Amino acid sequence: MTVPHEAHPDQPEITQRDLDGRSVEIVDAVERGGCFHVAHDGHRIGELVPQRRTRRFVPREDFLAMPRTASLVDPEDFRASAQAFIDDEVADPYGR
């Protein structure tokens, strides 16, 4: 999941025609961190922004081995730690 990008008014505006004709140059700029507003028929229709995070492929074998290499959690310690943060009091939603 990507995080929405904050629009900046000083981002260069490119047209659909610019994007078509200069795609390599524009994509290279985005790869280096540049951002562009894309316009079609004089209206801004979107933004080209760099991806905030990259995904890393994890082979299935490595994924399946993760639980075997994880540290064990003591259920009582976990419960005590959770109880310190959880308010399990039943409250009347209409009470004031």
PDB file of N, CA and C in Angstrom:
ATOM      1  N   MET A   1       0.835  -1.161   0.000  1.00  0.00           N
ATOM      2  CA  MET A   1       0.000   0.000   0.000  1.00  0.00           C
ATOM      3  C   MET A   1       0.876   1.217   0.000  1.00  0.00           C
ATOM      4  N   THR A   2       0.506   2.161  -0.858  1.00  0.00           N
ATOM      5  CA  THR A   2       1.293   3.363  -0.883  1.00  0.00           C
ATOM      6  C   THR A   2       0.626   4.466  -0.114  1.00  0.00           C
ATOM      7  N   VAL A   3       1.481   5.369   0.384  1.00  0.00           N
ATOM      8  CA  VAL A   3       0.983   6.513   1.134  1.00  0.00           C
ATOM      9  C   VAL A   3       0.675   7.626   0.158  1.00  0.00           C
ATOM     10  N   PRO A   4      -0.515   8.330   0.327  1.00  0.00           N
ATOM     11  CA  PRO A   4      -0.823   9.432  -0.580  1.00  0.00           C
ATOM     12  C   PRO A   4       0.273  10.488  -0.535  1.00  0.00           C
ATOM     13  N   HIS A   5       0.564  11.067  -1.691  1.00  0.00           N
ATOM     14  CA  HIS A   5       1.614  12.066  -1.809  1.00  0.00           C
ATOM     15  C   HIS A   5       1.018  13.449  -1.643  1.00  0.00           C
ATOM     16  N   GLU A   6       1.685  14.285  -0.885  1.00  0.00           N
ATOM     17  CA  GLU A   6       1.250  15.668  -0.670  1.00  0.00           C
ATOM     18  C   GLU A   6       1.565  16.475  -1.926  1.00  0.00           C
ATOM     19  N   ALA A   7       0.566  17.121  -2.533  1.00  0.00           N
ATOM     20  CA  ALA A   7       0.772  17.909  -3.742  1.00  0.00           C
ATOM     21  C   ALA A   7       1.513  19.201  -3.407  1.00  0.00           C
ATOM     22  N   HIS A   8       2.422  19.596  -4.289  1.00  0.00           N
ATOM     23  CA  HIS A   8       3.158  20.837  -4.120  1.00  0.00           C
ATOM     24  C   HIS A   8       2.896  21.713  -5.333  1.00  0.00           C
ATOM     25  N   PRO A   9       2.534  22.966  -5.125  1.00  0.00           N
ATOM     26  CA  PRO A   9       2.212  23.836  -6.251  1.00  0.00           C
ATOM     27  C   PRO A   9       3.406  24.113  -7.150  1.00  0.00           C
ATOM     28  N   ASP A  10       4.634  23.959  -6.663  1.00  0.00           N
ATOM     29  CA  ASP A  10       5.813  24.259  -7.474  1.00  0.00           C
ATOM     30  C   ASP A  10       6.272  23.082  -8.337  1.00  0.00           C
ATOM     31  N   GLN A  11       5.515  21.983  -8.341  1.00  0.00           N
ATOM     32  CA  GLN A  11       5.865  20.850  -9.203  1.00  0.00           C
ATOM     33  C   GLN A  11       5.627  21.251 -10.655  1.00  0.00           C
ATOM     34  N   PRO A  12       6.534  20.866 -11.545  1.00  0.00           N
ATOM     35  CA  PRO A  12       6.327  21.180 -12.958  1.00  0.00           C
ATOM     36  C   PRO A  12       5.082  20.486 -13.505  1.00  0.00           C
ATOM     37  N   GLU A  13       4.398  21.176 -14.402  1.00  0.00           N
ATOM     38  CA  GLU A  13       3.223  20.587 -15.046  1.00  0.00           C
ATOM     39  C   GLU A  13       3.633  20.109 -16.430  1.00  0.00           C
ATOM     40  N   ILE A  14       3.254  18.884 -16.748  1.00  0.00           N
ATOM     41  CA  ILE A  14       3.539  18.336 -18.060  1.00  0.00           C
ATOM     42  C   ILE A  14       2.216  17.933 -18.700  1.00  0.00           C
ATOM     43  N   THR A  15       2.169  18.006 -20.001  1.00  0.00           N
ATOM     44  CA  THR A  15       0.960  17.598 -20.717  1.00  0.00           C
ATOM     45  C   THR A  15       1.074  16.127 -21.094  1.00  0.00           C
ATOM     46  N   GLN A  16      -0.033  15.605 -21.528  1.00  0.00           N
ATOM     47  CA  GLN A  16      -0.042  14.217 -21.991  1.00  0.00           C
ATOM     48  C   GLN A  16       0.935  14.080 -23.159  1.00  0.00           C
ATOM     49  N   ARG A  17       0.987  15.086 -24.000  1.00  0.00           N
ATOM     50  CA  ARG A  17       1.895  15.069 -25.157  1.00  0.00           C
ATOM     51  C   ARG A  17       3.366  15.063 -24.692  1.00  0.00           C
ATOM     52  N   ASP A  18       3.676  15.892 -23.653  1.00  0.00           N
ATOM     53  CA  ASP A  18       5.037  15.892 -23.082  1.00  0.00           C
ATOM     54  C   ASP A  18       5.388  14.499 -22.571  1.00  0.00           C
ATOM     55  N   LEU A  19       4.458  13.915 -21.835  1.00  0.00           N
ATOM     56  CA  LEU A  19       4.693  12.597 -21.256  1.00  0.00           C
ATOM     57  C   LEU A  19       4.951  11.567 -22.351  1.00  0.00           C
ATOM     58  N   ASP A  20       4.188  11.667 -23.437  1.00  0.00           N
ATOM     59  CA  ASP A  20       4.353  10.733 -24.541  1.00  0.00           C
ATOM     60  C   ASP A  20       5.697  10.930 -25.231  1.00  0.00           C
ATOM     61  N   GLY A  21       6.079  12.180 -25.466  1.00  0.00           N
ATOM     62  CA  GLY A  21       7.302  12.466 -26.213  1.00  0.00           C
ATOM     63  C   GLY A  21       8.570  12.418 -25.381  1.00  0.00           C
ATOM     64  N   ARG A  22       8.475  12.667 -24.099  1.00  0.00           N
ATOM     65  CA  ARG A  22       9.659  12.736 -23.238  1.00  0.00           C
ATOM     66  C   ARG A  22       9.598  11.725 -22.105  1.00  0.00           C
ATOM     67  N   SER A  23       8.953  10.592 -22.329  1.00  0.00           N
ATOM     68  CA  SER A  23       8.703   9.635 -21.249  1.00  0.00           C
ATOM     69  C   SER A  23       9.986   9.157 -20.570  1.00  0.00           C
ATOM     70  N   VAL A  24      11.028   8.878 -21.330  1.00  0.00           N
ATOM     71  CA  VAL A  24      12.274   8.386 -20.731  1.00  0.00           C
ATOM     72  C   VAL A  24      12.855   9.450 -19.808  1.00  0.00           C
ATOM     73  N   GLU A  25      12.915  10.679 -20.273  1.00  0.00           N
ATOM     74  CA  GLU A  25      13.456  11.791 -19.478  1.00  0.00           C
ATOM     75  C   GLU A  25      12.625  12.017 -18.213  1.00  0.00           C
ATOM     76  N   ILE A  26      11.312  11.972 -18.340  1.00  0.00           N
ATOM     77  CA  ILE A  26      10.414  12.218 -17.205  1.00  0.00           C
ATOM     78  C   ILE A  26      10.491  11.076 -16.197  1.00  0.00           C
ATOM     79  N   VAL A  27      10.484   9.839 -16.680  1.00  0.00           N
ATOM     80  CA  VAL A  27      10.573   8.688 -15.774  1.00  0.00           C
ATOM     81  C   VAL A  27      11.912   8.695 -15.051  1.00  0.00           C
ATOM     82  N   ASP A  28      12.988   9.056 -15.745  1.00  0.00           N
ATOM     83  CA  ASP A  28      14.296   9.153 -15.088  1.00  0.00           C
ATOM     84  C   ASP A  28      14.263  10.209 -13.983  1.00  0.00           C
ATOM     85  N   ALA A  29      13.600  11.343 -14.238  1.00  0.00           N
ATOM     86  CA  ALA A  29      13.496  12.401 -13.226  1.00  0.00           C
ATOM     87  C   ALA A  29      12.695  11.918 -12.017  1.00  0.00           C
ATOM     88  N   VAL A  30      11.613  11.185 -12.250  1.00  0.00           N
ATOM     89  CA  VAL A  30      10.810  10.650 -11.144  1.00  0.00           C
ATOM     90  C   VAL A  30      11.635   9.638 -10.354  1.00  0.00           C
ATOM     91  N   GLU A  31      12.414   8.840 -11.049  1.00  0.00           N
ATOM     92  CA  GLU A  31      13.263   7.854 -10.383  1.00  0.00           C
ATOM     93  C   GLU A  31      14.288   8.532  -9.469  1.00  0.00           C
ATOM     94  N   ARG A  32      14.706   9.752  -9.839  1.00  0.00           N
ATOM     95  CA  ARG A  32      15.654  10.509  -9.018  1.00  0.00           C
ATOM     96  C   ARG A  32      14.947  11.343  -7.947  1.00  0.00           C
ATOM     97  N   GLY A  33      13.608  11.221  -7.838  1.00  0.00           N
ATOM     98  CA  GLY A  33      12.884  11.935  -6.785  1.00  0.00           C
ATOM     99  C   GLY A  33      12.019  13.078  -7.274  1.00  0.00           C
ATOM    100  N   GLY A  34      11.999  13.328  -8.566  1.00  0.00           N
ATOM    101  CA  GLY A  34      11.195  14.421  -9.114  1.00  0.00           C
ATOM    102  C   GLY A  34       9.713  14.097  -9.131  1.00  0.00           C
ATOM    103  N   CYS A  35       8.889  15.134  -9.116  1.00  0.00           N
ATOM    104  CA  CYS A  35       7.430  14.983  -9.151  1.00  0.00           C
ATOM    105  C   CYS A  35       6.872  15.878 -10.247  1.00  0.00           C
ATOM    106  N   PHE A  36       5.811  15.441 -10.892  1.00  0.00           N
ATOM    107  CA  PHE A  36       5.206  16.203 -11.972  1.00  0.00           C
ATOM    108  C   PHE A  36       3.685  16.160 -11.859  1.00  0.00           C
ATOM    109  N   HIS A  37       3.044  17.287 -12.168  1.00  0.00           N
ATOM    110  CA  HIS A  37       1.592  17.298 -12.366  1.00  0.00           C
ATOM    111  C   HIS A  37       1.358  16.949 -13.830  1.00  0.00           C
ATOM    112  N   VAL A  38       0.400  16.099 -14.093  1.00  0.00           N
ATOM    113  CA  VAL A  38       0.060  15.732 -15.465  1.00  0.00           C
ATOM    114  C   VAL A  38      -1.251  16.404 -15.824  1.00  0.00           C
ATOM    115  N   ALA A  39      -1.264  17.089 -16.989  1.00  0.00           N
ATOM    116  CA  ALA A  39      -2.453  17.813 -17.427  1.00  0.00           C
ATOM    117  C   ALA A  39      -2.960  17.237 -18.745  1.00  0.00           C
ATOM    118  N   HIS A  40      -4.268  17.261 -18.891  1.00  0.00           N
ATOM    119  CA  HIS A  40      -4.920  16.819 -20.128  1.00  0.00           C
ATOM    120  C   HIS A  40      -6.016  17.831 -20.441  1.00  0.00           C
ATOM    121  N   ASP A  41      -5.984  18.382 -21.633  1.00  0.00           N
ATOM    122  CA  ASP A  41      -6.944  19.420 -22.037  1.00  0.00           C
ATOM    123  C   ASP A  41      -6.974  20.581 -21.052  1.00  0.00           C
ATOM    124  N   GLY A  42      -5.797  20.942 -20.521  1.00  0.00           N
ATOM    125  CA  GLY A  42      -5.692  22.081 -19.631  1.00  0.00           C
ATOM    126  C   GLY A  42      -6.100  21.831 -18.193  1.00  0.00           C
ATOM    127  N   HIS A  43      -6.455  20.604 -17.853  1.00  0.00           N
ATOM    128  CA  HIS A  43      -6.866  20.268 -16.484  1.00  0.00           C
ATOM    129  C   HIS A  43      -5.881  19.277 -15.877  1.00  0.00           C
ATOM    130  N   ARG A  44      -5.512  19.522 -14.627  1.00  0.00           N
ATOM    131  CA  ARG A  44      -4.638  18.572 -13.941  1.00  0.00           C
ATOM    132  C   ARG A  44      -5.412  17.284 -13.673  1.00  0.00           C
ATOM    133  N   ILE A  45      -4.837  16.178 -14.118  1.00  0.00           N
ATOM    134  CA  ILE A  45      -5.524  14.896 -13.941  1.00  0.00           C
ATOM    135  C   ILE A  45      -4.775  13.945 -13.018  1.00  0.00           C
ATOM    136  N   GLY A  46      -3.546  14.274 -12.672  1.00  0.00           N
ATOM    137  CA  GLY A  46      -2.813  13.372 -11.798  1.00  0.00           C
ATOM    138  C   GLY A  46      -1.412  13.861 -11.520  1.00  0.00           C
ATOM    139  N   GLU A  47      -0.674  13.032 -10.824  1.00  0.00           N
ATOM    140  CA  GLU A  47       0.712  13.329 -10.476  1.00  0.00           C
ATOM    141  C   GLU A  47       1.576  12.108 -10.745  1.00  0.00           C
ATOM    142  N   LEU A  48       2.783  12.370 -11.148  1.00  0.00           N
ATOM    143  CA  LEU A  48       3.804  11.334 -11.219  1.00  0.00           C
ATOM    144  C   LEU A  48       4.733  11.596 -10.053  1.00  0.00           C
ATOM    145  N   VAL A  49       4.802  10.652  -9.150  1.00  0.00           N
ATOM    146  CA  VAL A  49       5.632  10.798  -7.955  1.00  0.00           C
ATOM    147  C   VAL A  49       6.410   9.515  -7.732  1.00  0.00           C
ATOM    148  N   PRO A  50       7.576   9.623  -7.114  1.00  0.00           N
ATOM    149  CA  PRO A  50       8.330   8.394  -6.833  1.00  0.00           C
ATOM    150  C   PRO A  50       7.613   7.544  -5.803  1.00  0.00           C
ATOM    151  N   GLN A  51       7.778   6.252  -5.915  1.00  0.00           N
ATOM    152  CA  GLN A  51       7.211   5.338  -4.936  1.00  0.00           C
ATOM    153  C   GLN A  51       7.932   5.540  -3.620  1.00  0.00           C
ATOM    154  N   ARG A  52       7.205   5.534  -2.526  1.00  0.00           N
ATOM    155  CA  ARG A  52       7.810   5.804  -1.221  1.00  0.00           C
ATOM    156  C   ARG A  52       8.599   4.626  -0.682  1.00  0.00           C
ATOM    157  N   ARG A  53       8.232   3.450  -1.015  1.00  0.00           N
ATOM    158  CA  ARG A  53       8.975   2.298  -0.516  1.00  0.00           C
ATOM    159  C   ARG A  53       9.054   1.256  -1.613  1.00  0.00           C
ATOM    160  N   THR A  54      10.069   0.458  -1.539  1.00  0.00           N
ATOM    161  CA  THR A  54      10.205  -0.612  -2.513  1.00  0.00           C
ATOM    162  C   THR A  54       9.833  -1.923  -1.838  1.00  0.00           C
ATOM    163  N   ARG A  55       9.301  -2.777  -2.611  1.00  0.00           N
ATOM    164  CA  ARG A  55       8.938  -4.095  -2.095  1.00  0.00           C
ATOM    165  C   ARG A  55      10.059  -5.061  -2.401  1.00  0.00           C
ATOM    166  N   ARG A  56      10.254  -5.965  -1.494  1.00  0.00           N
ATOM    167  CA  ARG A  56      11.308  -6.951  -1.668  1.00  0.00           C
ATOM    168  C   ARG A  56      10.655  -8.310  -1.789  1.00  0.00           C
ATOM    169  N   PHE A  57      11.040  -9.038  -2.817  1.00  0.00           N
ATOM    170  CA  PHE A  57      10.513 -10.386  -3.014  1.00  0.00           C
ATOM    171  C   PHE A  57      11.094 -11.319  -1.968  1.00  0.00           C
ATOM    172  N   VAL A  58      10.234 -12.087  -1.341  1.00  0.00           N
ATOM    173  CA  VAL A  58      10.671 -13.090  -0.367  1.00  0.00           C
ATOM    174  C   VAL A  58      10.277 -14.455  -0.924  1.00  0.00           C
ATOM    175  N   PRO A  59      11.264 -15.312  -1.176  1.00  0.00           N
ATOM    176  CA  PRO A  59      10.935 -16.641  -1.692  1.00  0.00           C
ATOM    177  C   PRO A  59      10.042 -17.399  -0.708  1.00  0.00           C
ATOM    178  N   ARG A  60       9.215 -18.261  -1.242  1.00  0.00           N
ATOM    179  CA  ARG A  60       8.254 -19.009  -0.433  1.00  0.00           C
ATOM    180  C   ARG A  60       8.943 -19.800   0.686  1.00  0.00           C
ATOM    181  N   GLU A  61      10.069 -20.389   0.357  1.00  0.00           N
ATOM    182  CA  GLU A  61      10.788 -21.182   1.355  1.00  0.00           C
ATOM    183  C   GLU A  61      11.212 -20.312   2.538  1.00  0.00           C
ATOM    184  N   ASP A  62      11.676 -19.090   2.250  1.00  0.00           N
ATOM    185  CA  ASP A  62      12.083 -18.178   3.321  1.00  0.00           C
ATOM    186  C   ASP A  62      10.882 -17.748   4.151  1.00  0.00           C
ATOM    187  N   PHE A  63       9.769 -17.481   3.470  1.00  0.00           N
ATOM    188  CA  PHE A  63       8.558 -17.069   4.178  1.00  0.00           C
ATOM    189  C   PHE A  63       8.078 -18.177   5.111  1.00  0.00           C
ATOM    190  N   LEU A  64       8.079 -19.408   4.620  1.00  0.00           N
ATOM    191  CA  LEU A  64       7.620 -20.532   5.434  1.00  0.00           C
ATOM    192  C   LEU A  64       8.572 -20.831   6.594  1.00  0.00           C
ATOM    193  N   ALA A  65       9.847 -20.470   6.450  1.00  0.00           N
ATOM    194  CA  ALA A  65      10.822 -20.726   7.513  1.00  0.00           C
ATOM    195  C   ALA A  65      10.759 -19.674   8.618  1.00  0.00           C
ATOM    196  N   MET A  66      10.114 -18.549   8.381  1.00  0.00           N
ATOM    197  CA  MET A  66      10.089 -17.463   9.370  1.00  0.00           C
ATOM    198  C   MET A  66       9.553 -17.892  10.736  1.00  0.00           C
ATOM    199  N   PRO A  67       8.417 -18.587  10.814  1.00  0.00           N
ATOM    200  CA  PRO A  67       7.936 -18.967  12.144  1.00  0.00           C
ATOM    201  C   PRO A  67       8.914 -19.881  12.892  1.00  0.00           C
ATOM    202  N   ARG A  68       9.675 -20.677  12.173  1.00  0.00           N
ATOM    203  CA  ARG A  68      10.621 -21.588  12.820  1.00  0.00           C
ATOM    204  C   ARG A  68      11.808 -20.855  13.416  1.00  0.00           C
ATOM    205  N   THR A  69      12.126 -19.670  12.848  1.00  0.00           N
ATOM    206  CA  THR A  69      13.290 -18.923  13.336  1.00  0.00           C
ATOM    207  C   THR A  69      12.892 -17.779  14.267  1.00  0.00           C
ATOM    208  N   ALA A  70      11.596 -17.557  14.440  1.00  0.00           N
ATOM    209  CA  ALA A  70      11.147 -16.479  15.323  1.00  0.00           C
ATOM    210  C   ALA A  70      11.330 -16.871  16.782  1.00  0.00           C
ATOM    211  N   SER A  71      11.526 -15.871  17.606  1.00  0.00           N
ATOM    212  CA  SER A  71      11.684 -16.173  19.035  1.00  0.00           C
ATOM    213  C   SER A  71      10.334 -16.547  19.630  1.00  0.00           C
ATOM    214  N   LEU A  72      10.370 -17.385  20.652  1.00  0.00           N
ATOM    215  CA  LEU A  72       9.141 -17.816  21.306  1.00  0.00           C
ATOM    216  C   LEU A  72       8.627 -16.713  22.234  1.00  0.00           C
ATOM    217  N   VAL A  73       7.322 -16.596  22.307  1.00  0.00           N
ATOM    218  CA  VAL A  73       6.687 -15.612  23.174  1.00  0.00           C
ATOM    219  C   VAL A  73       6.005 -16.364  24.306  1.00  0.00           C
ATOM    220  N   ASP A  74       6.332 -15.979  25.528  1.00  0.00           N
ATOM    221  CA  ASP A  74       5.701 -16.585  26.686  1.00  0.00           C
ATOM    222  C   ASP A  74       4.276 -16.033  26.799  1.00  0.00           C
ATOM    223  N   PRO A  75       3.260 -16.886  26.764  1.00  0.00           N
ATOM    224  CA  PRO A  75       1.872 -16.404  26.787  1.00  0.00           C
ATOM    225  C   PRO A  75       1.550 -15.539  28.004  1.00  0.00           C
ATOM    226  N   GLU A  76       2.091 -15.885  29.155  1.00  0.00           N
ATOM    227  CA  GLU A  76       1.806 -15.111  30.371  1.00  0.00           C
ATOM    228  C   GLU A  76       2.441 -13.720  30.303  1.00  0.00           C
ATOM    229  N   ASP A  77       3.665 -13.649  29.792  1.00  0.00           N
ATOM    230  CA  ASP A  77       4.316 -12.342  29.630  1.00  0.00           C
ATOM    231  C   ASP A  77       3.559 -11.485  28.626  1.00  0.00           C
ATOM    232  N   PHE A  78       3.119 -12.125  27.542  1.00  0.00           N
ATOM    233  CA  PHE A  78       2.356 -11.397  26.526  1.00  0.00           C
ATOM    234  C   PHE A  78       1.053 -10.862  27.117  1.00  0.00           C
ATOM    235  N   ARG A  79       0.346 -11.706  27.850  1.00  0.00           N
ATOM    236  CA  ARG A  79      -0.924 -11.301  28.450  1.00  0.00           C
ATOM    237  C   ARG A  79      -0.717 -10.145  29.434  1.00  0.00           C
ATOM    238  N   ALA A  80       0.302 -10.243  30.272  1.00  0.00           N
ATOM    239  CA  ALA A  80       0.581  -9.178  31.244  1.00  0.00           C
ATOM    240  C   ALA A  80       0.939  -7.873  30.534  1.00  0.00           C
ATOM    241  N   SER A  81       1.709  -7.964  29.478  1.00  0.00           N
ATOM    242  CA  SER A  81       2.083  -6.773  28.715  1.00  0.00           C
ATOM    243  C   SER A  81       0.861  -6.151  28.041  1.00  0.00           C
ATOM    244  N   ALA A  82      -0.001  -6.992  27.476  1.00  0.00           N
ATOM    245  CA  ALA A  82      -1.208  -6.493  26.813  1.00  0.00           C
ATOM    246  C   ALA A  82      -2.163  -5.867  27.809  1.00  0.00           C
ATOM    247  N   GLN A  83      -2.297  -6.466  28.990  1.00  0.00           N
ATOM    248  CA  GLN A  83      -3.211  -5.945  30.012  1.00  0.00           C
ATOM    249  C   GLN A  83      -2.802  -4.541  30.464  1.00  0.00           C
ATOM    250  N   ALA A  84      -1.520  -4.237  30.384  1.00  0.00           N
ATOM    251  CA  ALA A  84      -1.046  -2.906  30.781  1.00  0.00           C
ATOM    252  C   ALA A  84      -1.573  -1.826  29.843  1.00  0.00           C
ATOM    253  N   PHE A  85      -1.922  -2.196  28.620  1.00  0.00           N
ATOM    254  CA  PHE A  85      -2.374  -1.218  27.630  1.00  0.00           C
ATOM    255  C   PHE A  85      -3.857  -1.310  27.309  1.00  0.00           C
ATOM    256  N   ILE A  86      -4.508  -2.384  27.672  1.00  0.00           N
ATOM    257  CA  ILE A  86      -5.899  -2.609  27.286  1.00  0.00           C
ATOM    258  C   ILE A  86      -6.825  -2.255  28.443  1.00  0.00           C
ATOM    259  N   ASP A  87      -7.813  -1.452  28.141  1.00  0.00           N
ATOM    260  CA  ASP A  87      -8.845  -1.133  29.132  1.00  0.00           C
ATOM    261  C   ASP A  87     -10.036  -2.026  28.806  1.00  0.00           C
ATOM    262  N   ASP A  88     -10.226  -3.097  29.578  1.00  0.00           N
ATOM    263  CA  ASP A  88     -11.307  -4.035  29.289  1.00  0.00           C
ATOM    264  C   ASP A  88     -12.530  -3.799  30.162  1.00  0.00           C
ATOM    265  N   GLU A  89     -12.631  -2.610  30.744  1.00  0.00           N
ATOM    266  CA  GLU A  89     -13.815  -2.249  31.512  1.00  0.00           C
ATOM    267  C   GLU A  89     -14.985  -2.078  30.549  1.00  0.00           C
ATOM    268  N   VAL A  90     -16.125  -2.626  30.905  1.00  0.00           N
ATOM    269  CA  VAL A  90     -17.326  -2.449  30.095  1.00  0.00           C
ATOM    270  C   VAL A  90     -17.925  -1.100  30.471  1.00  0.00           C
ATOM    271  N   ALA A  91     -18.099  -0.264  29.468  1.00  0.00           N
ATOM    272  CA  ALA A  91     -18.612   1.083  29.730  1.00  0.00           C
ATOM    273  C   ALA A  91     -19.954   1.273  29.038  1.00  0.00           C
ATOM    274  N   ASP A  92     -20.825   2.020  29.690  1.00  0.00           N
ATOM    275  CA  ASP A  92     -22.121   2.351  29.106  1.00  0.00           C
ATOM    276  C   ASP A  92     -21.912   3.478  28.095  1.00  0.00           C
ATOM    277  N   PRO A  93     -22.167   3.235  26.792  1.00  0.00           N
ATOM    278  CA  PRO A  93     -21.925   4.274  25.800  1.00  0.00           C
ATOM    279  C   PRO A  93     -22.849   5.488  25.983  1.00  0.00           C
ATOM    280  N   TYR A  94     -23.953   5.316  26.710  1.00  0.00           N
ATOM    281  CA  TYR A  94     -24.887   6.420  26.918  1.00  0.00           C
ATOM    282  C   TYR A  94     -24.709   7.072  28.297  1.00  0.00           C
ATOM    283  N   GLY A  95     -23.853   6.491  29.119  1.00  0.00           N
ATOM    284  CA  GLY A  95     -23.635   7.034  30.450  1.00  0.00           C
ATOM    285  C   GLY A  95     -22.769   8.296  30.368  1.00  0.00           C
ATOM    286  N   ARG A  96     -23.069   9.219  31.279  1.00  0.00           N
ATOM    287  CA  ARG A  96     -22.262  10.465  31.273  1.00  0.00           C
ATOM    288  C   ARG A  96     -21.713  10.739  32.620  1.00  0.00           C
TER     289      ARG A  96
END
